[in-house]
N, C-alpha and C. Protein backbone atom coordinates (compact mmCIF):
# COMPACT_ATOMS: atom_id res chain seq x y z
N UNK A 1 9.34 -21.75 -2.81
CA UNK A 1 8.74 -20.87 -2.66
C UNK A 1 9.65 -19.81 -3.12
N UNK A 2 8.86 -18.55 -3.84
CA UNK A 2 9.40 -17.50 -4.34
C UNK A 2 10.15 -16.37 -3.20
N UNK A 3 11.13 -15.68 -3.49
CA UNK A 3 11.91 -14.62 -2.69
C UNK A 3 11.62 -13.14 -3.50
N UNK A 4 11.66 -12.18 -2.60
CA UNK A 4 11.44 -11.05 -3.08
C UNK A 4 12.45 -10.04 -2.32
N UNK A 5 12.78 -9.38 -3.53
CA UNK A 5 13.96 -8.30 -2.78
C UNK A 5 13.72 -6.59 -3.65
N UNK A 6 14.34 -6.02 -2.70
CA UNK A 6 14.22 -4.81 -3.24
C UNK A 6 15.74 -3.94 -2.73
N UNK A 7 16.36 -3.33 -3.63
CA UNK A 7 17.54 -2.32 -2.57
C UNK A 7 16.88 -0.84 -2.13
N UNK A 8 17.53 -0.54 -1.12
CA UNK A 8 17.44 0.70 -0.48
C UNK A 8 18.56 1.45 -0.49
N UNK A 9 18.42 2.63 -1.26
CA UNK A 9 19.92 3.21 -0.98
C UNK A 9 19.64 4.60 -1.23
N UNK A 10 20.41 5.29 0.14
CA UNK A 10 20.21 6.16 0.95
C UNK A 10 22.04 6.68 0.79
N UNK A 11 22.12 8.26 0.62
CA UNK A 11 23.21 9.05 1.05
C UNK A 11 23.57 10.12 1.78
N UNK A 12 24.22 10.36 2.29
CA UNK A 12 24.18 11.68 3.08
C UNK A 12 24.84 12.54 1.97
N UNK A 13 23.82 13.55 2.19
CA UNK A 13 24.13 15.11 1.97
C UNK A 13 25.76 15.59 1.85
N UNK A 14 26.46 16.00 0.74
CA UNK A 14 27.72 16.62 1.33
C UNK A 14 27.51 17.60 2.04
N UNK A 15 28.55 17.74 3.16
CA UNK A 15 28.38 18.96 4.15
C UNK A 15 27.26 18.72 5.27
N UNK A 16 26.11 17.49 5.30
CA UNK A 16 25.21 17.20 6.30
C UNK A 16 26.03 16.86 7.62
N UNK A 17 25.66 17.26 8.82
CA UNK A 17 26.65 16.82 9.81
C UNK A 17 26.39 15.70 10.58
N UNK A 18 25.12 15.04 9.79
CA UNK A 18 24.05 13.52 10.61
C UNK A 18 23.89 13.76 11.72
N UNK A 19 24.86 13.80 12.56
CA UNK A 19 24.48 13.27 14.52
C UNK A 19 23.54 14.56 14.54
N UNK A 20 23.18 15.72 14.00
CA UNK A 20 22.02 16.56 14.26
C UNK A 20 20.99 16.56 13.95
N UNK A 21 20.45 15.32 13.64
CA UNK A 21 19.61 14.63 12.58
C UNK A 21 18.74 15.75 11.72
N UNK A 22 19.43 16.75 11.01
CA UNK A 22 19.41 17.25 10.54
C UNK A 22 19.99 17.01 8.84
N UNK A 23 19.42 15.77 8.32
CA UNK A 23 19.64 15.17 7.31
C UNK A 23 18.68 14.86 6.44
N UNK A 24 18.99 14.90 5.11
CA UNK A 24 17.87 14.60 4.07
C UNK A 24 17.48 12.88 4.15
N UNK A 25 15.95 12.65 4.70
CA UNK A 25 15.41 11.21 4.50
C UNK A 25 15.11 10.60 3.45
N UNK A 26 15.48 11.27 2.08
CA UNK A 26 15.24 11.13 0.72
C UNK A 26 16.11 10.26 0.68
N UNK A 27 15.45 8.94 -0.45
CA UNK A 27 16.51 7.48 -0.63
C UNK A 27 15.84 7.14 -1.65
N UNK A 28 16.07 6.32 -2.58
CA UNK A 28 15.48 5.08 -3.60
C UNK A 28 15.00 3.81 -3.27
N UNK A 29 14.18 3.31 -3.74
CA UNK A 29 13.76 2.30 -3.71
C UNK A 29 14.13 1.56 -5.26
N UNK A 30 14.97 0.50 -5.49
CA UNK A 30 14.93 -0.02 -6.68
C UNK A 30 14.61 -1.71 -6.40
N UNK A 31 14.19 -1.85 -7.48
CA UNK A 31 13.31 -3.53 -7.94
C UNK A 31 14.00 -4.20 -8.89
N UNK A 32 13.58 -5.46 -8.99
CA UNK A 32 14.40 -6.27 -9.76
C UNK A 32 14.38 -5.92 -11.05
N UNK A 33 13.00 -5.33 -11.18
CA UNK A 33 12.66 -5.11 -13.05
C UNK A 33 13.21 -3.97 -13.86
N UNK A 34 13.70 -3.50 -12.51
CA UNK A 34 14.24 -1.90 -13.05
C UNK A 34 13.38 -0.56 -12.59
N UNK A 35 12.24 -0.77 -11.82
CA UNK A 35 11.72 0.43 -11.35
C UNK A 35 12.33 1.09 -10.30
N UNK A 36 12.30 2.39 -10.44
CA UNK A 36 13.00 3.28 -8.88
C UNK A 36 12.07 3.91 -8.68
N UNK A 37 11.81 4.25 -7.37
CA UNK A 37 10.85 4.73 -6.53
C UNK A 37 11.47 5.97 -5.75
N UNK A 38 11.51 7.32 -6.36
CA UNK A 38 11.63 7.85 -4.77
C UNK A 38 11.13 7.98 -3.54
N UNK A 39 11.97 7.67 -2.42
CA UNK A 39 11.16 7.64 -1.52
C UNK A 39 11.68 8.09 -0.60
N UNK A 40 10.70 8.66 0.74
CA UNK A 40 11.23 9.52 2.15
C UNK A 40 10.65 9.33 3.29
N UNK A 41 10.93 9.40 4.04
CA UNK A 41 10.14 9.29 5.36
C UNK A 41 8.91 10.11 5.45
N UNK A 42 7.80 9.93 6.00
CA UNK A 42 6.67 10.97 5.86
C UNK A 42 6.56 12.27 6.55
N UNK A 43 6.47 13.32 5.94
CA UNK A 43 6.24 14.71 6.66
C UNK A 43 5.71 15.04 7.80
N UNK A 44 4.68 13.47 8.07
CA UNK A 44 4.13 13.62 9.70
C UNK A 44 4.97 13.09 10.17
N UNK A 45 6.21 12.27 9.61
CA UNK A 45 7.03 11.47 10.80
C UNK A 45 8.28 12.30 11.46
N UNK A 46 8.80 12.82 10.13
CA UNK A 46 9.82 13.59 10.01
C UNK A 46 9.51 15.23 9.39
N UNK A 47 9.76 16.06 10.08
CA UNK A 47 9.29 17.22 9.57
C UNK A 47 10.15 17.75 8.45
N UNK A 48 9.41 18.80 7.14
CA UNK A 48 10.03 19.33 6.08
C UNK A 48 11.28 20.09 6.78
N UNK A 49 12.46 20.21 6.29
CA UNK A 49 12.89 19.95 4.52
C UNK A 49 13.36 18.62 4.79
N UNK A 50 13.24 17.91 5.52
CA UNK A 50 14.51 16.76 6.12
C UNK A 50 13.51 15.48 5.47
N UNK A 51 12.25 15.74 5.20
CA UNK A 51 11.48 14.59 4.30
C UNK A 51 11.15 15.22 2.92
N UNK A 52 10.85 14.40 2.24
CA UNK A 52 10.54 14.71 0.58
C UNK A 52 8.94 14.55 0.66
N UNK A 53 8.15 15.49 1.02
CA UNK A 53 6.70 15.46 0.59
C UNK A 53 6.16 14.36 -0.51
N UNK A 54 6.55 14.82 -1.84
CA UNK A 54 6.33 14.40 -2.67
C UNK A 54 6.75 12.66 -3.41
N UNK A 55 7.75 12.18 -2.09
CA UNK A 55 7.99 10.98 -2.43
C UNK A 55 7.51 9.90 -1.42
N UNK A 56 7.39 8.85 -2.05
CA UNK A 56 6.80 7.74 -1.29
C UNK A 56 6.92 7.60 -0.08
N UNK A 57 6.38 7.49 0.92
CA UNK A 57 6.81 6.81 2.53
C UNK A 57 6.54 5.50 2.40
N UNK A 58 7.37 4.61 3.74
CA UNK A 58 6.75 3.40 3.86
C UNK A 58 5.40 2.96 4.32
N UNK A 59 4.98 4.20 4.88
CA UNK A 59 3.43 4.08 5.30
C UNK A 59 2.73 3.94 4.11
N UNK A 60 2.57 4.76 3.22
CA UNK A 60 2.08 4.86 2.07
C UNK A 60 2.24 4.01 1.39
N UNK A 61 3.44 3.17 1.09
CA UNK A 61 3.59 2.11 0.44
C UNK A 61 3.06 0.63 0.93
N UNK A 62 2.87 0.55 2.50
CA UNK A 62 2.19 -0.25 3.05
C UNK A 62 0.90 -0.19 3.01
N UNK A 63 0.26 0.85 2.59
CA UNK A 63 -1.09 0.76 2.36
C UNK A 63 -1.66 0.25 0.93
N UNK A 64 -0.61 1.00 -0.22
CA UNK A 64 -0.50 0.74 -1.36
C UNK A 64 -0.29 -0.66 -1.64
N UNK A 65 0.20 -1.42 -0.72
CA UNK A 65 0.77 -3.24 -1.53
C UNK A 65 -0.13 -4.00 -0.98
N UNK A 66 -1.12 -3.45 0.26
CA UNK A 66 -2.56 -4.26 0.64
C UNK A 66 -3.09 -3.99 -0.61
N UNK A 67 -3.82 -2.78 -0.53
CA UNK A 67 -4.63 -2.39 -1.87
C UNK A 67 -4.35 -3.04 -3.02
N UNK A 68 -3.21 -3.07 -3.56
CA UNK A 68 -2.59 -3.68 -4.83
C UNK A 68 -3.04 -5.11 -4.72
N UNK A 69 -2.44 -5.46 -4.10
CA UNK A 69 -2.86 -7.03 -3.56
C UNK A 69 -4.18 -7.71 -3.88
N UNK A 70 -5.18 -6.66 -3.12
CA UNK A 70 -6.35 -6.84 -3.12
C UNK A 70 -7.21 -6.85 -4.49
N UNK A 71 -6.82 -5.97 -5.15
CA UNK A 71 -6.82 -5.87 -6.53
C UNK A 71 -6.40 -6.96 -7.03
N UNK A 72 -5.58 -7.29 -7.07
CA UNK A 72 -5.03 -8.10 -8.22
C UNK A 72 -5.87 -9.59 -7.73
N UNK A 73 -6.24 -9.96 -6.78
CA UNK A 73 -7.23 -10.98 -6.46
C UNK A 73 -8.40 -10.86 -6.85
N UNK A 74 -8.84 -9.64 -6.77
CA UNK A 74 -10.62 -9.21 -7.12
C UNK A 74 -10.43 -9.10 -8.39
N UNK A 75 -9.69 -8.62 -9.30
CA UNK A 75 -9.68 -8.66 -10.73
C UNK A 75 -9.21 -10.43 -11.53
N UNK A 76 -8.90 -11.37 -10.71
CA UNK A 76 -8.77 -12.40 -11.25
C UNK A 76 -10.24 -13.48 -10.74
N UNK A 77 -10.82 -12.85 -9.83
CA UNK A 77 -11.93 -13.69 -9.12
C UNK A 77 -13.23 -13.39 -10.37
N UNK A 78 -13.38 -11.90 -10.80
CA UNK A 78 -14.10 -11.82 -11.64
C UNK A 78 -13.82 -11.98 -12.74
N UNK A 79 -12.96 -11.79 -13.50
CA UNK A 79 -12.39 -12.23 -14.94
C UNK A 79 -12.68 -13.80 -14.80
N UNK A 80 -12.58 -14.62 -14.14
CA UNK A 80 -12.97 -16.23 -13.96
C UNK A 80 -14.52 -16.35 -14.09
N UNK A 81 -15.23 -15.55 -13.32
CA UNK A 81 -16.54 -15.79 -13.63
C UNK A 81 -17.17 -15.17 -14.72
N UNK A 82 -16.48 -14.35 -15.67
CA UNK A 82 -17.04 -13.93 -16.99
C UNK A 82 -17.43 -12.20 -16.64
N UNK A 83 -16.79 -11.80 -15.74
CA UNK A 83 -17.26 -10.12 -15.60
C UNK A 83 -16.10 -9.55 -16.56
N UNK A 84 -16.16 -8.57 -16.96
CA UNK A 84 -15.10 -7.68 -17.40
C UNK A 84 -15.06 -6.21 -16.79
N UNK A 85 -13.87 -5.90 -16.69
CA UNK A 85 -13.74 -4.57 -15.64
C UNK A 85 -12.85 -3.69 -16.20
N UNK A 86 -13.78 -2.61 -16.38
CA UNK A 86 -12.92 -1.05 -17.02
C UNK A 86 -11.96 -0.75 -16.38
N UNK A 87 -12.71 -0.29 -15.19
CA UNK A 87 -11.43 0.17 -14.30
C UNK A 87 -12.02 -0.10 -12.54
N UNK A 88 -10.61 -0.11 -12.13
CA UNK A 88 -10.94 -0.39 -10.47
C UNK A 88 -9.95 0.51 -9.75
N UNK A 89 -10.81 0.95 -9.03
CA UNK A 89 -10.02 2.41 -8.17
C UNK A 89 -10.02 2.60 -6.78
N UNK A 90 -8.93 2.35 -5.81
CA UNK A 90 -9.51 2.30 -4.79
C UNK A 90 -8.25 3.61 -3.90
N UNK A 91 -8.92 4.37 -3.38
CA UNK A 91 -8.61 5.77 -2.29
C UNK A 91 -8.60 4.99 -1.06
N UNK A 92 -7.32 3.85 -1.02
CA UNK A 92 -6.83 3.32 0.52
C UNK A 92 -6.61 3.94 1.49
N UNK A 93 -6.56 3.83 2.81
CA UNK A 93 -6.10 5.15 3.81
C UNK A 93 -5.79 4.01 4.90
N UNK A 94 -4.46 4.32 5.44
CA UNK A 94 -3.99 3.74 6.76
C UNK A 94 -4.42 4.46 7.98
N UNK A 95 -4.34 3.75 8.92
CA UNK A 95 -4.49 4.76 9.93
C UNK A 95 -3.12 4.27 11.27
N UNK A 96 -2.76 5.09 11.60
CA UNK A 96 -1.54 5.14 12.68
C UNK A 96 -1.91 4.89 14.00
N UNK A 97 -1.90 4.41 14.85
CA UNK A 97 -2.27 4.20 16.50
C UNK A 97 -1.17 3.58 17.01
N UNK A 98 -1.28 3.45 18.45
CA UNK A 98 -0.66 2.79 19.67
C UNK A 98 -1.00 1.55 20.19
N UNK A 99 -0.17 0.57 19.90
CA UNK A 99 -0.74 -0.81 20.57
C UNK A 99 -0.65 -0.72 22.06
N UNK A 100 -1.17 -2.15 22.33
CA UNK A 100 -1.22 -1.77 23.91
C UNK A 100 0.31 -2.03 24.50
N UNK A 101 1.45 -1.55 23.99
CA UNK A 101 2.97 -1.70 24.65
C UNK A 101 3.18 -0.11 24.38
N UNK A 102 2.32 0.29 23.65
CA UNK A 102 2.91 1.75 23.49
C UNK A 102 3.62 2.06 22.16
N UNK A 103 3.76 1.26 21.17
CA UNK A 103 4.17 0.93 19.82
C UNK A 103 3.23 1.83 18.58
N UNK A 104 3.61 2.30 18.13
CA UNK A 104 3.12 3.21 17.40
C UNK A 104 3.14 1.99 16.06
N UNK A 105 1.92 1.66 15.10
CA UNK A 105 1.80 1.07 14.19
C UNK A 105 0.87 1.62 13.42
N UNK A 106 0.34 0.65 12.03
CA UNK A 106 -0.68 1.02 11.05
C UNK A 106 -1.68 0.04 11.71
N UNK A 107 -2.50 0.65 12.54
CA UNK A 107 -3.42 -0.08 13.18
C UNK A 107 -4.58 -0.79 12.38
N UNK A 108 -4.71 0.09 11.27
CA UNK A 108 -6.09 -0.35 10.18
C UNK A 108 -5.90 0.29 9.01
N UNK A 109 -6.21 -0.55 7.96
CA UNK A 109 -6.19 0.01 6.54
C UNK A 109 -7.70 -0.58 6.06
N UNK A 110 -8.07 0.77 5.11
CA UNK A 110 -9.37 1.08 4.95
C UNK A 110 -9.15 0.64 3.25
N UNK A 111 -9.81 -0.14 2.70
CA UNK A 111 -10.06 -0.18 1.30
C UNK A 111 -11.19 -0.08 0.81
N UNK A 112 -11.20 1.50 -0.23
CA UNK A 112 -12.66 1.54 -0.62
C UNK A 112 -12.48 1.92 -2.34
N UNK A 113 -12.71 0.05 -3.04
CA UNK A 113 -12.67 -0.02 -4.08
C UNK A 113 -13.76 0.28 -4.81
N UNK A 114 -14.10 0.87 -5.96
CA UNK A 114 -14.90 1.34 -6.93
C UNK A 114 -14.78 0.83 -8.15
N UNK A 115 -15.42 -0.11 -8.55
CA UNK A 115 -15.33 -0.86 -9.69
C UNK A 115 -16.35 -0.77 -10.92
N UNK A 116 -15.62 -0.36 -12.45
CA UNK A 116 -16.48 0.02 -13.29
C UNK A 116 -16.39 -0.91 -13.88
N UNK A 117 -17.31 -2.01 -14.64
CA UNK A 117 -17.50 -2.80 -15.60
C UNK A 117 -17.64 -2.43 -16.78
N UNK A 118 -17.36 -3.42 -17.87
CA UNK A 118 -17.96 -3.48 -18.94
C UNK A 118 -18.99 -4.47 -19.41
N UNK A 119 -20.26 -3.91 -19.82
CA UNK A 119 -21.41 -4.60 -20.14
C UNK A 119 -21.96 -5.08 -18.66
N UNK A 120 -22.27 -6.42 -18.49
CA UNK A 120 -23.23 -7.12 -17.73
C UNK A 120 -22.13 -7.05 -16.13
N UNK A 121 -22.77 -6.35 -14.96
CA UNK A 121 -22.01 -5.94 -13.84
C UNK A 121 -22.56 -7.52 -12.91
N UNK A 122 -21.85 -7.92 -12.17
CA UNK A 122 -22.35 -8.53 -10.52
C UNK A 122 -23.23 -8.01 -9.56
N UNK A 123 -24.01 -8.87 -9.14
CA UNK A 123 -24.95 -8.07 -8.34
C UNK A 123 -24.03 -7.90 -6.56
N UNK A 124 -24.63 -6.94 -6.14
CA UNK A 124 -23.84 -6.33 -5.01
C UNK A 124 -23.41 -7.64 -4.37
N UNK A 125 -24.15 -8.91 -3.66
CA UNK A 125 -23.85 -10.08 -3.41
C UNK A 125 -22.61 -11.01 -3.91
N UNK A 126 -22.78 -10.75 -5.00
CA UNK A 126 -21.66 -11.52 -5.95
C UNK A 126 -20.35 -10.64 -5.91
N UNK A 127 -20.36 -9.29 -6.16
CA UNK A 127 -19.37 -8.25 -6.24
C UNK A 127 -18.46 -8.79 -4.21
N UNK A 128 -19.35 -8.73 -3.81
CA UNK A 128 -18.87 -8.84 -2.16
C UNK A 128 -18.44 -9.57 -1.96
N UNK A 129 -18.84 -11.29 -2.52
CA UNK A 129 -17.91 -12.55 -2.57
C UNK A 129 -16.72 -11.97 -3.07
N UNK A 130 -16.38 -11.71 -4.18
CA UNK A 130 -15.27 -11.28 -5.05
C UNK A 130 -14.43 -10.69 -4.10
N UNK A 131 -14.75 -9.50 -3.44
CA UNK A 131 -14.01 -9.05 -2.37
C UNK A 131 -13.31 -9.88 -1.31
N UNK A 132 -14.81 -10.78 -0.51
CA UNK A 132 -14.34 -11.52 0.50
C UNK A 132 -12.86 -12.29 0.14
N UNK A 133 -13.27 -13.07 -1.13
CA UNK A 133 -12.50 -14.19 -1.68
C UNK A 133 -10.93 -13.50 -1.72
N UNK A 134 -10.87 -12.33 -2.13
CA UNK A 134 -9.67 -11.36 -2.53
C UNK A 134 -9.21 -11.14 -1.20
N UNK A 135 -9.70 -10.61 -0.39
CA UNK A 135 -9.11 -10.63 1.17
C UNK A 135 -8.58 -11.74 1.50
N UNK A 136 -9.46 -12.51 1.46
CA UNK A 136 -8.83 -14.42 1.83
C UNK A 136 -7.77 -14.73 1.14
N UNK A 137 -7.33 -14.39 0.04
CA UNK A 137 -6.17 -14.66 -0.59
C UNK A 137 -4.99 -13.97 -0.49
N UNK A 138 -5.17 -12.75 -0.61
CA UNK A 138 -4.12 -11.87 -0.17
C UNK A 138 -3.27 -11.96 0.83
N UNK A 139 -1.88 -12.40 0.26
CA UNK A 139 -1.00 -12.91 0.98
C UNK A 139 -0.06 -11.46 1.97
N UNK A 140 -0.34 -10.51 1.63
CA UNK A 140 0.18 -9.35 2.21
C UNK A 140 -1.18 -8.68 3.47
N UNK A 141 -2.31 -8.77 3.15
CA UNK A 141 -3.08 -8.85 4.24
C UNK A 141 -2.92 -10.16 5.44
N UNK A 142 -2.80 -11.18 4.88
CA UNK A 142 -2.28 -12.45 5.62
C UNK A 142 -1.20 -12.50 6.63
N UNK A 143 -0.14 -11.30 6.13
CA UNK A 143 1.08 -11.14 6.67
C UNK A 143 1.16 -10.20 7.83
N UNK A 144 -0.02 -9.16 8.12
CA UNK A 144 0.36 -8.21 9.28
C UNK A 144 -0.68 -8.63 9.97
N UNK A 145 -0.66 -7.87 11.26
CA UNK A 145 -1.68 -7.43 12.06
C UNK A 145 -2.62 -6.74 12.34
N UNK A 146 -2.32 -5.83 11.01
CA UNK A 146 -3.31 -4.79 10.76
C UNK A 146 -4.38 -5.28 10.37
N UNK A 147 -5.58 -4.45 10.73
CA UNK A 147 -7.05 -4.92 10.62
C UNK A 147 -7.43 -4.02 9.13
N UNK A 148 -7.53 -5.03 8.25
CA UNK A 148 -7.88 -4.26 6.92
C UNK A 148 -9.83 -4.51 6.80
N UNK A 149 -10.53 -3.58 6.43
CA UNK A 149 -11.50 -3.34 6.04
C UNK A 149 -11.58 -2.91 4.70
N UNK A 150 -12.61 -3.61 3.89
CA UNK A 150 -13.35 -3.25 2.93
C UNK A 150 -14.37 -2.50 2.42
N UNK A 151 -14.45 -1.59 2.38
CA UNK A 151 -15.79 -1.12 2.08
C UNK A 151 -16.09 -0.76 0.59
N UNK A 152 -16.52 -1.10 -0.06
CA UNK A 152 -16.87 -0.85 -1.43
C UNK A 152 -17.53 0.47 -1.62
N UNK A 153 -17.34 1.02 -2.75
CA UNK A 153 -18.10 1.98 -3.16
C UNK A 153 -19.50 1.79 -3.27
């Protein structure tokens, strides 16, 4: 099986005391292909200015990884069935909640894909089957306890 990795890099700002919790949560995600993504805690979790609102936070990345995985399997299924897709847009959202042990977790991810086809498009039942198959095949969704709902536009 394949393995996947990332380097997560954080440095303390010069002069930040650290133990007072008044330090920047800004950090960098580095991937093997060379991509670098500025990351931070969410401002919903750690207040500004200790978070960086424009950086990607782990919760957003979690939602994006589920959406991206679903999309890639959906595209493959549609292509195999002979449909040409011009655009796939998903405004996915994740919800935080507490579980039965009182731990905060992302309890639900809602995918809201809107697909634009070139030429012939599948009927609603066929498109729903592509989404179902994509959900079943997505190893990110298969790896988490989060409920993942697909609500095509």
